[in-house]
Each structure stands twice: as C-alpha cells, then as structure tokens.
Protein backbone atom coordinates (compact mmCIF):
# COMPACT_ATOMS: atom_id res chain seq x y z
CA GLN A 1 0.00 0.00 0.00
CA VAL A 2 1.13 3.56 -0.64
CA GLN A 3 -0.29 7.04 -0.19
CA LEU A 4 0.44 9.61 -2.88
CA VAL A 5 0.26 13.37 -2.46
CA GLU A 6 0.52 15.70 -5.44
CA SER A 7 1.65 19.31 -5.28
CA GLY A 8 2.79 22.10 -7.58
CA GLY A 9 -0.34 22.72 -9.61
CA GLY A 10 -1.97 26.06 -10.25
CA LEU A 11 -2.69 28.68 -12.88
CA VAL A 12 -0.12 29.42 -15.57
CA GLN A 13 -0.16 31.37 -18.80
CA PRO A 14 0.21 29.63 -22.17
CA GLY A 15 3.86 28.96 -22.87
CA GLY A 16 4.69 28.81 -19.20
CA SER A 17 6.04 26.00 -17.05
CA LEU A 18 5.05 24.09 -13.94
CA ARG A 19 6.59 21.22 -12.03
CA LEU A 20 4.31 18.74 -10.35
CA SER A 21 5.54 16.62 -7.46
CA CYS A 22 4.16 13.34 -6.17
CA ALA A 23 5.37 12.36 -2.72
CA ALA A 24 4.95 8.68 -1.81
CA SER A 25 4.56 7.37 1.71
CA ARG A 26 7.06 4.57 1.12
CA SER A 27 10.04 3.76 -1.05
CA ILE A 28 9.31 3.88 -4.77
CA LEU A 29 12.30 1.75 -5.71
CA SER A 30 10.33 -1.49 -5.95
CA ILE A 31 7.17 -0.04 -7.48
CA TYR A 32 6.81 -1.35 -11.04
CA ALA A 33 5.95 2.05 -12.50
CA MET A 34 5.08 5.54 -11.40
CA GLY A 35 2.99 7.70 -13.65
CA TRP A 36 1.03 10.85 -14.25
CA TYR A 37 -2.45 10.89 -15.72
CA ARG A 38 -4.88 13.73 -16.32
CA GLN A 39 -8.58 14.25 -16.70
CA ALA A 40 -10.17 17.28 -18.31
CA PRO A 41 -13.84 18.16 -17.68
CA GLY A 42 -16.11 15.82 -19.62
CA GLU A 43 -13.19 13.67 -20.72
CA GLN A 44 -11.80 10.30 -19.71
CA ARG A 45 -8.66 10.05 -17.65
CA GLU A 46 -5.65 9.70 -19.92
CA LEU A 47 -2.03 8.75 -19.58
CA VAL A 48 0.47 11.60 -19.58
CA ALA A 49 3.75 9.88 -18.70
CA THR A 50 5.07 6.79 -16.95
CA LEU A 51 8.44 5.83 -15.55
CA THR A 52 9.26 2.23 -14.70
CA SER A 53 11.57 1.04 -11.95
CA GLY A 54 14.01 0.13 -14.70
CA GLY A 55 14.07 3.68 -15.98
CA SER A 56 11.93 3.32 -19.10
CA THR A 57 9.64 6.21 -19.92
CA ASN A 58 6.48 6.51 -21.95
CA TYR A 59 4.75 9.74 -22.95
CA ALA A 60 1.48 10.65 -24.57
CA ASP A 61 2.06 12.00 -28.07
CA SER A 62 0.47 15.29 -27.06
CA VAL A 63 3.17 16.00 -24.45
CA LYS A 64 6.29 14.55 -26.05
CA GLY A 65 9.08 17.08 -26.14
CA ARG A 66 7.33 19.33 -23.62
CA PHE A 67 6.91 17.21 -20.48
CA THR A 68 9.52 15.21 -18.59
CA ILE A 69 8.91 12.63 -15.88
CA SER A 70 11.65 11.96 -13.34
CA ARG A 71 12.10 10.66 -9.82
CA ASP A 72 14.18 11.18 -6.71
CA ASN A 73 14.40 7.82 -4.98
CA ALA A 74 15.94 9.31 -1.85
CA LYS A 75 12.88 11.55 -1.44
CA ASN A 76 10.34 8.94 -2.62
CA THR A 77 9.12 11.57 -5.06
CA VAL A 78 8.19 11.60 -8.72
CA TYR A 79 8.12 14.80 -10.75
CA LEU A 80 6.47 16.00 -13.92
CA GLN A 81 8.19 18.99 -15.48
CA MET A 82 5.76 20.66 -17.85
CA ASN A 83 7.09 23.24 -20.32
CA SER A 84 5.46 25.14 -23.17
CA LEU A 85 2.08 24.63 -21.60
CA LYS A 86 -1.02 24.95 -23.74
CA PRO A 87 -4.66 25.63 -22.81
CA GLU A 88 -5.45 22.03 -23.78
CA ASP A 89 -3.17 20.85 -20.97
CA THR A 90 -5.74 22.14 -18.49
CA ALA A 91 -6.91 19.22 -16.37
CA VAL A 92 -6.74 17.56 -12.99
CA TYR A 93 -3.45 15.69 -12.85
CA TYR A 94 -3.21 12.44 -10.91
CA CYS A 95 -0.18 10.55 -9.69
CA ASN A 96 -0.29 6.76 -10.01
CA ALA A 97 1.73 3.94 -8.45
CA ASP A 98 1.47 0.73 -10.45
CA PHE A 99 2.30 -2.50 -8.64
CA ARG A 100 1.31 -4.49 -11.77
CA PHE A 101 -1.69 -6.21 -10.15
CA LEU A 102 -2.76 -3.24 -8.08
CA SER A 103 -2.46 0.49 -8.44
CA TYR A 104 -2.93 3.50 -6.24
CA TRP A 105 -3.93 7.06 -7.05
CA GLY A 106 -3.30 10.44 -5.53
CA GLN A 107 -6.14 12.85 -4.89
CA GLY A 108 -5.35 14.90 -7.98
CA ILE A 109 -4.25 18.48 -8.49
CA GLN A 110 -5.62 21.15 -10.78
CA VAL A 111 -3.51 22.62 -13.57
CA THR A 112 -5.05 25.51 -15.48
CA VAL A 113 -3.39 27.06 -18.52
CA SER A 114 -5.04 30.34 -19.37
CA SER A 115 -4.22 33.95 -20.16
C-alpha cells in the first residue's frame, strides 16, 4: 500500500512552465511504474507519462518534447516537469503507483493554462 500526495499545480499562462511533485509514503524503488495521468472536464482520464523502476519512460504523443517525468528515490518523489504549456493541458493531474496487479492514485491536483 502507498499514499500519494501531489503538489505544484496552479494557474499558468500559455507557454509557461510548472513542475508537479508526487510524494509517496514509502520507497518507490520497488514499485513497477510511477505515472502521471490527467482528466479534463467531460473527458476520460488519460495517460500523460510513466516511468518504470528500470528507468523506461512513456509519454502521450500530445506532451512529447514538452513534459519530462523523473524521480528522486531518496525523497520517494516523482516529478512531472511541464514546459510550453497549452490551454489544452488544463486538467486535474493524478499521480499513479502501479504494482502491476494493483495500483494507487493520488487525490489529484488542478492545472489551469489560461491567459
């Protein structure tokens, strides 16, 4: 079991940057994959980026080249650096811990891209 707490969201202008953090209540070293997902109003939750324990990454096509997922094992924290933000990136962003047969979610954090 793991508790996940997201932080770093907020309001940003188009073209701006934000860094989301996901603090886990236990070591993330043995977790199969950590990831970020998002859900816009009226839309389904979608994958943004994942990072496996082996270091492999996967990104949604819509964020490739703009977003970067990383982790600090010593701090049990996963990050999502978001650059060149667009209005269509507006959503609630959720952190996910995937244990392969079970997964856990954070409570979500709002990111709004607007002028």
